[in-house]
Amino acid sequence: MENTLRCDPYNLIIAGVGGQGNVLASRVLGDMMIHQGYTVTIGETFGASQRGGSVMSHLRISARGGFSPQMPKGKANMVVALEPMEAIRVLAVYGNPKVKVLCNTRPIQSVGVICGEQIYPEKKQIIKWIESLSADAKFFDTTKAALNLGNPVFGNIMAMGALSSTGDLPMSLNVFEQVILKKVPAHKVEINLEAYKIGKGMVIA
């Protein structure tokens, strides 16, 4: 197998909150890599996911062998954030001067913010923070695009499509289709393919 990873192991974190489909995204990506002969270890941490708490998946992808599912601090190569504040939380611990970020800009406010006990930062400030904590950050509203398909949860698949366009990982549409066929009911395959294509078009290298 030819190793087409940008680095080995390739350390990726998918960060979001409960209900955004973070776990499905990590399983889809992991299966895409395994399908092509890579070794993938996945570690997940859950906050109060039923109340919109943090959900984080660590994926360590390698052509050389298995690695611990929990990546070392400061060693992420890519952060895919389904919610913007989650990107900052992850970068504060696992970021480094070379890390890349793909970030959905649509916020999901916590109970504390809704109750007036906390303040959610403005979008411009969040983007500024993320850019200061990364080497390359790209932003898009996958939630808006997903709503156009009928359900905001499709933002997770759009994020995987966006990741595929970076060239860091071998993530062809053909491999995605083979994997998604086993993950969702047959009548939902086509709309997931459409979501992947939309996400792929969101990133301009």
N, C-alpha and C. Protein backbone atom coordinates (compact mmCIF):
# COMPACT_ATOMS: atom_id res chain seq x y z
N MET A 1 0.83 -1.20 0.00
CA MET A 1 0.00 0.00 0.00
C MET A 1 0.87 1.25 0.00
N GLU A 2 0.58 2.18 -0.91
CA GLU A 2 1.30 3.44 -0.94
C GLU A 2 0.80 4.34 0.18
N ASN A 3 1.73 4.90 0.93
CA ASN A 3 1.33 5.78 2.03
C ASN A 3 1.14 7.20 1.50
N THR A 4 -0.11 7.63 1.42
CA THR A 4 -0.41 8.97 0.92
C THR A 4 -0.82 9.93 2.03
N LEU A 5 -0.52 9.58 3.27
CA LEU A 5 -0.81 10.47 4.39
C LEU A 5 0.17 11.63 4.39
N ARG A 6 -0.29 12.79 4.83
CA ARG A 6 0.60 13.95 4.93
C ARG A 6 1.69 13.69 5.95
N CYS A 7 1.38 12.94 6.99
CA CYS A 7 2.37 12.51 7.96
C CYS A 7 1.87 11.21 8.58
N ASP A 8 2.75 10.48 9.24
CA ASP A 8 2.38 9.17 9.77
C ASP A 8 2.95 9.02 11.19
N PRO A 9 2.11 8.90 12.21
CA PRO A 9 0.65 8.83 12.12
C PRO A 9 0.04 10.20 11.84
N TYR A 10 -1.13 10.17 11.23
CA TYR A 10 -1.88 11.39 11.00
C TYR A 10 -2.88 11.51 12.13
N ASN A 11 -2.74 12.56 12.94
CA ASN A 11 -3.55 12.75 14.12
C ASN A 11 -4.68 13.75 13.85
N LEU A 12 -5.90 13.28 13.93
CA LEU A 12 -7.05 14.11 13.60
C LEU A 12 -8.07 14.09 14.73
N ILE A 13 -8.64 15.25 15.02
CA ILE A 13 -9.69 15.34 16.03
C ILE A 13 -10.95 15.90 15.38
N ILE A 14 -12.06 15.21 15.61
CA ILE A 14 -13.37 15.72 15.21
C ILE A 14 -14.04 16.19 16.49
N ALA A 15 -14.38 17.47 16.55
CA ALA A 15 -14.94 18.05 17.77
C ALA A 15 -16.31 18.65 17.49
N GLY A 16 -17.23 18.43 18.41
CA GLY A 16 -18.57 19.00 18.27
C GLY A 16 -19.32 18.87 19.58
N VAL A 17 -20.62 18.96 19.50
CA VAL A 17 -21.45 18.77 20.68
C VAL A 17 -22.47 17.69 20.39
N GLY A 18 -23.09 17.19 21.45
CA GLY A 18 -24.05 16.11 21.30
C GLY A 18 -25.14 16.44 20.31
N GLY A 19 -25.44 15.49 19.42
CA GLY A 19 -26.49 15.67 18.43
C GLY A 19 -26.02 16.10 17.07
N GLN A 20 -24.71 16.39 16.91
CA GLN A 20 -24.20 16.84 15.62
C GLN A 20 -23.70 15.70 14.73
N GLY A 21 -23.72 14.48 15.23
CA GLY A 21 -23.27 13.36 14.41
C GLY A 21 -21.77 13.17 14.41
N ASN A 22 -21.13 13.61 15.47
CA ASN A 22 -19.68 13.48 15.58
C ASN A 22 -19.23 12.03 15.50
N VAL A 23 -19.90 11.15 16.22
CA VAL A 23 -19.48 9.74 16.27
C VAL A 23 -19.62 9.08 14.90
N LEU A 24 -20.72 9.36 14.20
CA LEU A 24 -20.88 8.80 12.86
C LEU A 24 -19.77 9.28 11.93
N ALA A 25 -19.43 10.56 12.02
CA ALA A 25 -18.36 11.09 11.18
C ALA A 25 -17.04 10.37 11.43
N SER A 26 -16.73 10.14 12.71
CA SER A 26 -15.47 9.46 13.02
C SER A 26 -15.47 8.02 12.53
N ARG A 27 -16.63 7.35 12.63
CA ARG A 27 -16.72 5.98 12.16
C ARG A 27 -16.61 5.91 10.63
N VAL A 28 -17.23 6.85 9.95
CA VAL A 28 -17.15 6.89 8.49
C VAL A 28 -15.71 7.11 8.04
N LEU A 29 -15.06 8.10 8.63
CA LEU A 29 -13.67 8.38 8.26
C LEU A 29 -12.77 7.19 8.59
N GLY A 30 -12.94 6.63 9.78
CA GLY A 30 -12.12 5.48 10.15
C GLY A 30 -12.29 4.32 9.19
N ASP A 31 -13.54 4.04 8.83
CA ASP A 31 -13.79 2.93 7.90
C ASP A 31 -13.25 3.21 6.51
N MET A 32 -13.28 4.47 6.09
CA MET A 32 -12.70 4.82 4.79
C MET A 32 -11.20 4.51 4.76
N MET A 33 -10.52 4.81 5.85
CA MET A 33 -9.08 4.55 5.92
C MET A 33 -8.79 3.05 6.01
N ILE A 34 -9.56 2.36 6.85
CA ILE A 34 -9.37 0.92 6.99
C ILE A 34 -9.63 0.20 5.66
N HIS A 35 -10.62 0.66 4.93
CA HIS A 35 -10.95 0.09 3.63
C HIS A 35 -9.75 0.13 2.68
N GLN A 36 -8.88 1.10 2.88
CA GLN A 36 -7.71 1.27 2.00
C GLN A 36 -6.44 0.70 2.60
N GLY A 37 -6.57 -0.01 3.72
CA GLY A 37 -5.42 -0.72 4.28
C GLY A 37 -4.69 -0.02 5.40
N TYR A 38 -5.18 1.13 5.84
CA TYR A 38 -4.53 1.83 6.95
C TYR A 38 -5.00 1.28 8.29
N THR A 39 -4.18 1.48 9.30
CA THR A 39 -4.56 1.14 10.66
C THR A 39 -5.12 2.39 11.32
N VAL A 40 -6.26 2.26 11.96
CA VAL A 40 -6.91 3.41 12.59
C VAL A 40 -7.26 3.07 14.03
N THR A 41 -6.88 3.93 14.95
CA THR A 41 -7.32 3.80 16.33
C THR A 41 -8.17 5.03 16.65
N ILE A 42 -9.29 4.81 17.32
CA ILE A 42 -10.22 5.89 17.63
C ILE A 42 -10.45 5.93 19.13
N GLY A 43 -10.32 7.11 19.69
CA GLY A 43 -10.63 7.34 21.09
C GLY A 43 -11.65 8.46 21.19
N GLU A 44 -12.65 8.29 22.03
CA GLU A 44 -13.72 9.29 22.12
C GLU A 44 -13.96 9.72 23.55
N THR A 45 -14.26 10.99 23.71
CA THR A 45 -14.64 11.52 25.02
C THR A 45 -15.99 12.21 24.88
N PHE A 46 -16.83 12.02 25.86
CA PHE A 46 -18.18 12.58 25.83
C PHE A 46 -18.41 13.43 27.07
N GLY A 47 -18.95 14.63 26.83
CA GLY A 47 -19.41 15.44 27.94
C GLY A 47 -20.87 15.08 28.19
N ALA A 48 -21.65 16.06 28.56
CA ALA A 48 -23.09 15.81 28.75
C ALA A 48 -23.76 15.87 27.38
N SER A 49 -23.52 14.82 26.59
CA SER A 49 -23.89 14.83 25.18
C SER A 49 -25.38 15.02 24.95
N GLN A 50 -26.21 14.52 25.86
CA GLN A 50 -27.64 14.67 25.67
C GLN A 50 -28.09 16.11 25.90
N ARG A 51 -27.25 16.92 26.52
CA ARG A 51 -27.59 18.32 26.77
C ARG A 51 -26.73 19.23 25.92
N GLY A 52 -26.20 18.73 24.84
CA GLY A 52 -25.36 19.56 23.99
C GLY A 52 -23.94 19.72 24.49
N GLY A 53 -23.48 18.74 25.29
CA GLY A 53 -22.11 18.80 25.81
C GLY A 53 -21.09 18.42 24.76
N SER A 54 -19.83 18.64 25.08
CA SER A 54 -18.73 18.39 24.15
C SER A 54 -18.61 16.91 23.81
N VAL A 55 -18.34 16.65 22.54
CA VAL A 55 -18.04 15.30 22.07
C VAL A 55 -16.78 15.41 21.21
N MET A 56 -15.78 14.60 21.51
CA MET A 56 -14.51 14.69 20.79
C MET A 56 -14.03 13.30 20.41
N SER A 57 -13.66 13.15 19.15
CA SER A 57 -13.12 11.88 18.65
C SER A 57 -11.68 12.08 18.20
N HIS A 58 -10.78 11.25 18.72
CA HIS A 58 -9.39 11.24 18.29
C HIS A 58 -9.22 10.10 17.28
N LEU A 59 -8.69 10.39 16.11
CA LEU A 59 -8.37 9.37 15.13
C LEU A 59 -6.88 9.43 14.83
N ARG A 60 -6.22 8.29 14.95
CA ARG A 60 -4.80 8.20 14.64
C ARG A 60 -4.65 7.19 13.50
N ILE A 61 -4.23 7.69 12.36
CA ILE A 61 -4.24 6.93 11.11
C ILE A 61 -2.80 6.68 10.68
N SER A 62 -2.49 5.42 10.36
CA SER A 62 -1.11 5.09 10.04
C SER A 62 -1.02 3.95 9.04
N ALA A 63 0.03 3.99 8.24
CA ALA A 63 0.35 2.87 7.35
C ALA A 63 1.37 1.95 8.00
N ARG A 64 1.85 2.34 9.18
CA ARG A 64 2.94 1.61 9.82
C ARG A 64 2.48 0.68 10.94
N GLY A 65 1.30 0.95 11.53
CA GLY A 65 0.84 0.13 12.64
C GLY A 65 -0.05 0.92 13.56
N GLY A 66 -0.43 0.32 14.68
CA GLY A 66 -1.36 0.94 15.60
C GLY A 66 -0.69 1.87 16.59
N PHE A 67 -1.43 2.87 17.02
CA PHE A 67 -0.96 3.82 18.02
C PHE A 67 -2.02 3.94 19.11
N SER A 68 -1.64 4.50 20.23
CA SER A 68 -2.59 4.74 21.30
C SER A 68 -3.74 5.60 20.79
N PRO A 69 -4.99 5.29 21.18
CA PRO A 69 -6.11 6.09 20.69
C PRO A 69 -6.13 7.52 21.22
N GLN A 70 -5.49 7.76 22.32
CA GLN A 70 -5.44 9.11 22.88
C GLN A 70 -4.15 9.78 22.43
N MET A 71 -4.25 10.76 21.55
CA MET A 71 -3.04 11.38 21.02
C MET A 71 -2.39 12.28 22.07
N PRO A 72 -1.08 12.45 22.00
CA PRO A 72 -0.39 13.32 22.95
C PRO A 72 -0.83 14.78 22.79
N LYS A 73 -0.75 15.53 23.86
CA LYS A 73 -1.09 16.94 23.80
C LYS A 73 -0.17 17.68 22.83
N GLY A 74 -0.73 18.59 22.08
CA GLY A 74 0.05 19.39 21.15
C GLY A 74 0.42 18.68 19.86
N LYS A 75 -0.21 17.54 19.56
CA LYS A 75 0.21 16.73 18.42
C LYS A 75 -0.87 16.56 17.34
N ALA A 76 -1.92 17.34 17.36
CA ALA A 76 -2.94 17.22 16.31
C ALA A 76 -2.42 17.77 14.98
N ASN A 77 -2.72 17.06 13.92
CA ASN A 77 -2.41 17.55 12.57
C ASN A 77 -3.59 18.27 11.94
N MET A 78 -4.79 17.85 12.32
CA MET A 78 -6.01 18.44 11.78
C MET A 78 -7.10 18.43 12.84
N VAL A 79 -7.82 19.53 12.94
CA VAL A 79 -9.01 19.61 13.79
C VAL A 79 -10.20 19.92 12.90
N VAL A 80 -11.18 19.03 12.91
CA VAL A 80 -12.43 19.26 12.19
C VAL A 80 -13.47 19.59 13.25
N ALA A 81 -13.91 20.84 13.27
CA ALA A 81 -14.82 21.30 14.31
C ALA A 81 -16.22 21.50 13.74
N LEU A 82 -17.18 20.78 14.31
CA LEU A 82 -18.57 20.93 13.90
C LEU A 82 -19.23 22.11 14.62
N GLU A 83 -18.54 22.64 15.63
CA GLU A 83 -19.04 23.80 16.39
C GLU A 83 -17.83 24.67 16.73
N PRO A 84 -17.89 25.98 16.51
CA PRO A 84 -16.68 26.82 16.59
C PRO A 84 -15.98 26.89 17.94
N MET A 85 -16.72 27.01 19.05
CA MET A 85 -16.06 27.08 20.34
C MET A 85 -15.35 25.77 20.67
N GLU A 86 -15.86 24.66 20.15
CA GLU A 86 -15.20 23.38 20.38
C GLU A 86 -13.83 23.35 19.71
N ALA A 87 -13.68 24.06 18.61
CA ALA A 87 -12.37 24.14 17.95
C ALA A 87 -11.35 24.78 18.88
N ILE A 88 -11.76 25.85 19.54
CA ILE A 88 -10.84 26.55 20.44
C ILE A 88 -10.47 25.67 21.63
N ARG A 89 -11.43 24.97 22.18
CA ARG A 89 -11.15 24.08 23.31
C ARG A 89 -10.13 23.01 22.93
N VAL A 90 -10.28 22.45 21.74
CA VAL A 90 -9.36 21.40 21.29
C VAL A 90 -7.98 21.98 21.00
N LEU A 91 -7.94 23.12 20.31
CA LEU A 91 -6.66 23.71 19.95
C LEU A 91 -5.84 24.12 21.17
N ALA A 92 -6.53 24.51 22.22
CA ALA A 92 -5.82 24.92 23.44
C ALA A 92 -5.01 23.78 24.04
N VAL A 93 -5.44 22.55 23.78
CA VAL A 93 -4.76 21.38 24.36
C VAL A 93 -3.93 20.64 23.31
N TYR A 94 -4.49 20.43 22.13
CA TYR A 94 -3.85 19.56 21.14
C TYR A 94 -3.26 20.31 19.95
N GLY A 95 -3.42 21.62 19.92
CA GLY A 95 -2.90 22.41 18.80
C GLY A 95 -1.39 22.58 18.83
N ASN A 96 -0.86 23.07 17.74
CA ASN A 96 0.56 23.35 17.59
C ASN A 96 0.72 24.30 16.40
N PRO A 97 1.89 24.86 16.16
CA PRO A 97 2.04 25.86 15.09
C PRO A 97 1.74 25.34 13.69
N LYS A 98 1.70 24.01 13.48
CA LYS A 98 1.46 23.46 12.14
C LYS A 98 0.06 22.90 11.94
N VAL A 99 -0.77 22.94 12.95
CA VAL A 99 -2.09 22.29 12.86
C VAL A 99 -3.00 23.02 11.87
N LYS A 100 -3.82 22.25 11.18
CA LYS A 100 -4.83 22.79 10.28
C LYS A 100 -6.20 22.67 10.93
N VAL A 101 -7.12 23.54 10.51
CA VAL A 101 -8.47 23.53 11.07
C VAL A 101 -9.51 23.68 9.97
N LEU A 102 -10.54 22.86 10.06
CA LEU A 102 -11.75 23.03 9.25
C LEU A 102 -12.87 23.27 10.25
N CYS A 103 -13.58 24.40 10.11
CA CYS A 103 -14.51 24.79 11.17
C CYS A 103 -15.86 25.25 10.64
N ASN A 104 -16.90 24.63 11.17
CA ASN A 104 -18.26 25.11 10.95
C ASN A 104 -18.47 26.34 11.82
N THR A 105 -19.00 27.42 11.24
CA THR A 105 -19.11 28.67 11.99
C THR A 105 -20.42 28.82 12.75
N ARG A 106 -21.37 27.90 12.56
CA ARG A 106 -22.67 28.03 13.22
C ARG A 106 -22.56 27.60 14.68
N PRO A 107 -22.82 28.50 15.63
CA PRO A 107 -22.69 28.15 17.05
C PRO A 107 -23.87 27.34 17.57
N ILE A 108 -23.60 26.54 18.59
CA ILE A 108 -24.65 25.89 19.37
C ILE A 108 -24.46 26.37 20.79
N GLN A 109 -25.37 27.17 21.27
CA GLN A 109 -25.20 27.80 22.59
C GLN A 109 -25.52 26.81 23.71
N SER A 110 -24.69 26.87 24.73
CA SER A 110 -24.87 25.99 25.89
C SER A 110 -26.03 26.49 26.74
N VAL A 111 -26.43 25.65 27.69
CA VAL A 111 -27.50 26.02 28.62
C VAL A 111 -27.12 27.28 29.39
N GLY A 112 -25.84 27.39 29.75
CA GLY A 112 -25.37 28.57 30.48
C GLY A 112 -25.56 29.86 29.70
N VAL A 113 -25.30 29.80 28.40
CA VAL A 113 -25.48 30.97 27.54
C VAL A 113 -26.96 31.30 27.40
N ILE A 114 -27.76 30.27 27.16
CA ILE A 114 -29.20 30.47 27.00
C ILE A 114 -29.81 31.08 28.26
N CYS A 115 -29.32 30.67 29.42
CA CYS A 115 -29.85 31.18 30.70
C CYS A 115 -29.26 32.54 31.08
N GLY A 116 -28.31 33.02 30.31
CA GLY A 116 -27.71 34.32 30.60
C GLY A 116 -26.58 34.27 31.59
N GLU A 117 -26.13 33.08 31.97
CA GLU A 117 -25.04 32.95 32.93
C GLU A 117 -23.67 33.05 32.27
N GLN A 118 -23.62 32.81 30.97
CA GLN A 118 -22.37 32.89 30.22
C GLN A 118 -22.60 33.70 28.95
N ILE A 119 -21.51 34.14 28.35
CA ILE A 119 -21.59 34.90 27.10
C ILE A 119 -20.87 34.15 26.01
N TYR A 120 -21.54 33.95 24.88
CA TYR A 120 -20.90 33.29 23.74
C TYR A 120 -20.18 34.37 22.93
N PRO A 121 -18.89 34.18 22.64
CA PRO A 121 -18.13 35.21 21.90
C PRO A 121 -18.70 35.48 20.51
N GLU A 122 -18.42 36.64 19.99
CA GLU A 122 -18.85 36.99 18.64
C GLU A 122 -18.08 36.17 17.61
N LYS A 123 -18.70 35.96 16.46
CA LYS A 123 -18.13 35.14 15.40
C LYS A 123 -16.75 35.64 14.97
N LYS A 124 -16.61 36.96 14.81
CA LYS A 124 -15.32 37.52 14.37
C LYS A 124 -14.22 37.21 15.37
N GLN A 125 -14.55 37.26 16.66
CA GLN A 125 -13.56 36.99 17.69
C GLN A 125 -13.15 35.52 17.68
N ILE A 126 -14.12 34.63 17.49
CA ILE A 126 -13.82 33.21 17.45
C ILE A 126 -12.90 32.89 16.28
N ILE A 127 -13.22 33.44 15.12
CA ILE A 127 -12.39 33.21 13.94
C ILE A 127 -10.97 33.72 14.18
N LYS A 128 -10.85 34.88 14.80
CA LYS A 128 -9.53 35.45 15.09
C LYS A 128 -8.74 34.53 16.01
N TRP A 129 -9.39 34.00 17.04
CA TRP A 129 -8.71 33.09 17.96
C TRP A 129 -8.25 31.82 17.25
N ILE A 130 -9.13 31.24 16.44
CA ILE A 130 -8.78 29.99 15.75
C ILE A 130 -7.62 30.22 14.79
N GLU A 131 -7.64 31.32 14.08
CA GLU A 131 -6.55 31.62 13.15
C GLU A 131 -5.23 31.82 13.88
N SER A 132 -5.29 32.39 15.08
CA SER A 132 -4.06 32.62 15.85
C SER A 132 -3.50 31.33 16.43
N LEU A 133 -4.33 30.30 16.54
CA LEU A 133 -3.92 29.03 17.13
C LEU A 133 -3.59 27.96 16.10
N SER A 134 -3.61 28.31 14.81
CA SER A 134 -3.39 27.31 13.76
C SER A 134 -2.57 27.87 12.62
N ALA A 135 -2.03 26.95 11.81
CA ALA A 135 -1.27 27.35 10.64
C ALA A 135 -2.17 27.66 9.45
N ASP A 136 -3.30 26.98 9.40
CA ASP A 136 -4.22 27.13 8.27
C ASP A 136 -5.62 26.81 8.76
N ALA A 137 -6.52 27.76 8.65
CA ALA A 137 -7.89 27.56 9.11
C ALA A 137 -8.87 27.95 8.01
N LYS A 138 -9.85 27.08 7.77
CA LYS A 138 -10.88 27.35 6.78
C LYS A 138 -12.24 27.25 7.46
N PHE A 139 -13.12 28.17 7.10
CA PHE A 139 -14.41 28.29 7.77
C PHE A 139 -15.55 28.21 6.77
N PHE A 140 -16.66 27.61 7.21
CA PHE A 140 -17.84 27.51 6.36
C PHE A 140 -19.04 27.19 7.24
N ASP A 141 -20.23 27.44 6.71
CA ASP A 141 -21.45 27.18 7.45
C ASP A 141 -22.08 25.89 6.94
N THR A 142 -21.60 24.76 7.45
CA THR A 142 -22.15 23.48 7.02
C THR A 142 -23.58 23.32 7.52
N THR A 143 -23.90 23.97 8.65
CA THR A 143 -25.27 23.85 9.18
C THR A 143 -26.28 24.43 8.20
N LYS A 144 -25.99 25.59 7.66
CA LYS A 144 -26.89 26.22 6.69
C LYS A 144 -27.07 25.33 5.46
N ALA A 145 -25.94 24.83 4.95
CA ALA A 145 -26.00 23.96 3.77
C ALA A 145 -26.76 22.68 4.08
N ALA A 146 -26.56 22.15 5.28
CA ALA A 146 -27.25 20.91 5.67
C ALA A 146 -28.75 21.13 5.81
N LEU A 147 -29.14 22.28 6.32
CA LEU A 147 -30.56 22.60 6.44
C LEU A 147 -31.23 22.64 5.07
N ASN A 148 -30.47 23.06 4.07
CA ASN A 148 -31.01 23.07 2.71
C ASN A 148 -31.29 21.66 2.20
N LEU A 149 -30.62 20.67 2.81
CA LEU A 149 -30.87 19.27 2.48
C LEU A 149 -31.96 18.67 3.37
N GLY A 150 -32.40 19.43 4.34
CA GLY A 150 -33.51 18.97 5.16
C GLY A 150 -33.19 18.61 6.59
N ASN A 151 -31.90 18.57 6.97
CA ASN A 151 -31.55 18.17 8.32
C ASN A 151 -30.15 18.69 8.67
N PRO A 152 -29.98 19.44 9.76
CA PRO A 152 -28.66 19.97 10.10
C PRO A 152 -27.61 18.92 10.39
N VAL A 153 -28.03 17.69 10.70
CA VAL A 153 -27.06 16.65 11.03
C VAL A 153 -26.20 16.28 9.83
N PHE A 154 -26.65 16.59 8.61
CA PHE A 154 -25.83 16.31 7.43
C PHE A 154 -24.55 17.14 7.41
N GLY A 155 -24.45 18.11 8.32
CA GLY A 155 -23.22 18.89 8.42
C GLY A 155 -22.01 18.03 8.74
N ASN A 156 -22.22 16.91 9.44
CA ASN A 156 -21.08 16.04 9.75
C ASN A 156 -20.50 15.41 8.49
N ILE A 157 -21.38 14.99 7.57
CA ILE A 157 -20.91 14.40 6.32
C ILE A 157 -20.29 15.47 5.42
N MET A 158 -20.87 16.67 5.45
CA MET A 158 -20.28 17.77 4.69
C MET A 158 -18.87 18.08 5.18
N ALA A 159 -18.68 18.00 6.50
CA ALA A 159 -17.35 18.24 7.05
C ALA A 159 -16.35 17.19 6.56
N MET A 160 -16.80 15.94 6.42
CA MET A 160 -15.93 14.90 5.87
C MET A 160 -15.62 15.17 4.39
N GLY A 161 -16.61 15.67 3.67
CA GLY A 161 -16.36 16.05 2.29
C GLY A 161 -15.35 17.17 2.19
N ALA A 162 -15.46 18.15 3.10
CA ALA A 162 -14.49 19.25 3.13
C ALA A 162 -13.09 18.73 3.44
N LEU A 163 -13.01 17.80 4.38
CA LEU A 163 -11.71 17.20 4.72
C LEU A 163 -11.11 16.50 3.50
N SER A 164 -11.93 15.85 2.71
CA SER A 164 -11.42 15.12 1.55
C SER A 164 -10.74 16.05 0.55
N SER A 165 -11.18 17.30 0.50
CA SER A 165 -10.63 18.22 -0.49
C SER A 165 -9.29 18.82 -0.08
N THR A 166 -8.86 18.59 1.17
CA THR A 166 -7.57 19.14 1.61
C THR A 166 -6.39 18.36 1.03
N GLY A 167 -6.62 17.10 0.66
CA GLY A 167 -5.54 16.27 0.13
C GLY A 167 -4.68 15.63 1.19
N ASP A 168 -5.00 15.85 2.47
CA ASP A 168 -4.19 15.26 3.54
C ASP A 168 -4.41 13.75 3.66
N LEU A 169 -5.59 13.30 3.29
CA LEU A 169 -5.95 11.89 3.41
C LEU A 169 -6.56 11.40 2.10
N PRO A 170 -6.40 10.11 1.78
CA PRO A 170 -7.03 9.55 0.58
C PRO A 170 -8.52 9.30 0.85
N MET A 171 -9.38 10.19 0.34
CA MET A 171 -10.81 10.13 0.68
C MET A 171 -11.67 10.32 -0.57
N SER A 172 -11.53 9.42 -1.51
CA SER A 172 -12.27 9.56 -2.76
C SER A 172 -13.77 9.34 -2.55
N LEU A 173 -14.57 9.90 -3.44
CA LEU A 173 -16.02 9.73 -3.37
C LEU A 173 -16.39 8.26 -3.49
N ASN A 174 -15.65 7.52 -4.29
CA ASN A 174 -15.93 6.10 -4.48
C ASN A 174 -15.78 5.32 -3.17
N VAL A 175 -14.71 5.60 -2.43
CA VAL A 175 -14.51 4.93 -1.14
C VAL A 175 -15.58 5.35 -0.15
N PHE A 176 -15.92 6.64 -0.14
CA PHE A 176 -16.98 7.10 0.75
C PHE A 176 -18.30 6.36 0.46
N GLU A 177 -18.61 6.20 -0.81
CA GLU A 177 -19.86 5.53 -1.16
C GLU A 177 -19.87 4.09 -0.67
N GLN A 178 -18.75 3.40 -0.81
CA GLN A 178 -18.68 2.02 -0.35
C GLN A 178 -18.89 1.92 1.16
N VAL A 179 -18.37 2.90 1.89
CA VAL A 179 -18.50 2.90 3.35
C VAL A 179 -19.92 3.30 3.79
N ILE A 180 -20.46 4.36 3.18
CA ILE A 180 -21.76 4.86 3.63
C ILE A 180 -22.88 3.87 3.32
N LEU A 181 -22.69 3.05 2.32
CA LEU A 181 -23.67 2.00 2.02
C LEU A 181 -23.88 1.07 3.20
N LYS A 182 -22.86 0.91 4.04
CA LYS A 182 -22.94 0.02 5.18
C LYS A 182 -23.33 0.75 6.47
N LYS A 183 -23.42 2.08 6.40
CA LYS A 183 -23.66 2.87 7.60
C LYS A 183 -25.08 3.39 7.73
N VAL A 184 -25.75 3.60 6.62
CA VAL A 184 -27.09 4.19 6.67
C VAL A 184 -28.06 3.35 5.86
N PRO A 185 -29.37 3.49 6.11
CA PRO A 185 -30.36 2.77 5.30
C PRO A 185 -30.24 3.14 3.82
N ALA A 186 -30.63 2.22 2.96
CA ALA A 186 -30.45 2.39 1.52
C ALA A 186 -31.07 3.69 1.00
N HIS A 187 -32.23 4.08 1.54
CA HIS A 187 -32.89 5.28 1.03
C HIS A 187 -32.21 6.58 1.45
N LYS A 188 -31.21 6.49 2.35
CA LYS A 188 -30.49 7.68 2.77
C LYS A 188 -29.10 7.80 2.15
N VAL A 189 -28.73 6.82 1.34
CA VAL A 189 -27.40 6.83 0.74
C VAL A 189 -27.22 8.01 -0.20
N GLU A 190 -28.20 8.25 -1.06
CA GLU A 190 -28.07 9.29 -2.07
C GLU A 190 -27.90 10.68 -1.45
N ILE A 191 -28.68 10.96 -0.41
CA ILE A 191 -28.58 12.28 0.20
C ILE A 191 -27.26 12.46 0.94
N ASN A 192 -26.71 11.37 1.49
CA ASN A 192 -25.39 11.45 2.11
C ASN A 192 -24.30 11.67 1.07
N LEU A 193 -24.44 11.07 -0.09
CA LEU A 193 -23.49 11.32 -1.18
C LEU A 193 -23.55 12.78 -1.60
N GLU A 194 -24.75 13.33 -1.66
CA GLU A 194 -24.91 14.74 -2.02
C GLU A 194 -24.26 15.64 -0.97
N ALA A 195 -24.45 15.30 0.30
CA ALA A 195 -23.83 16.08 1.37
C ALA A 195 -22.31 16.05 1.28
N TYR A 196 -21.76 14.90 0.96
CA TYR A 196 -20.31 14.75 0.83
C TYR A 196 -19.79 15.63 -0.31
N LYS A 197 -20.50 15.61 -1.43
CA LYS A 197 -20.10 16.42 -2.59
C LYS A 197 -20.17 17.91 -2.27
N ILE A 198 -21.22 18.33 -1.56
CA ILE A 198 -21.35 19.72 -1.19
C ILE A 198 -20.19 20.15 -0.30
N GLY A 199 -19.88 19.32 0.69
CA GLY A 199 -18.76 19.62 1.59
C GLY A 199 -17.45 19.71 0.85
N LYS A 200 -17.26 18.84 -0.10
CA LYS A 200 -16.02 18.82 -0.88
C LYS A 200 -15.83 20.14 -1.62
N GLY A 201 -16.92 20.74 -2.05
CA GLY A 201 -16.85 22.00 -2.77
C GLY A 201 -16.69 23.22 -1.88
N MET A 202 -16.76 23.04 -0.57
CA MET A 202 -16.67 24.17 0.34
C MET A 202 -15.25 24.65 0.58
N VAL A 203 -14.27 23.81 0.33
CA VAL A 203 -12.87 24.17 0.61
C VAL A 203 -12.15 24.45 -0.69
N ILE A 204 -11.54 25.61 -0.75
CA ILE A 204 -10.69 25.98 -1.89
C ILE A 204 -9.26 25.97 -1.42
N ALA A 205 -8.46 25.10 -1.99
CA ALA A 205 -7.06 24.95 -1.52
C ALA A 205 -6.27 26.22 -1.74
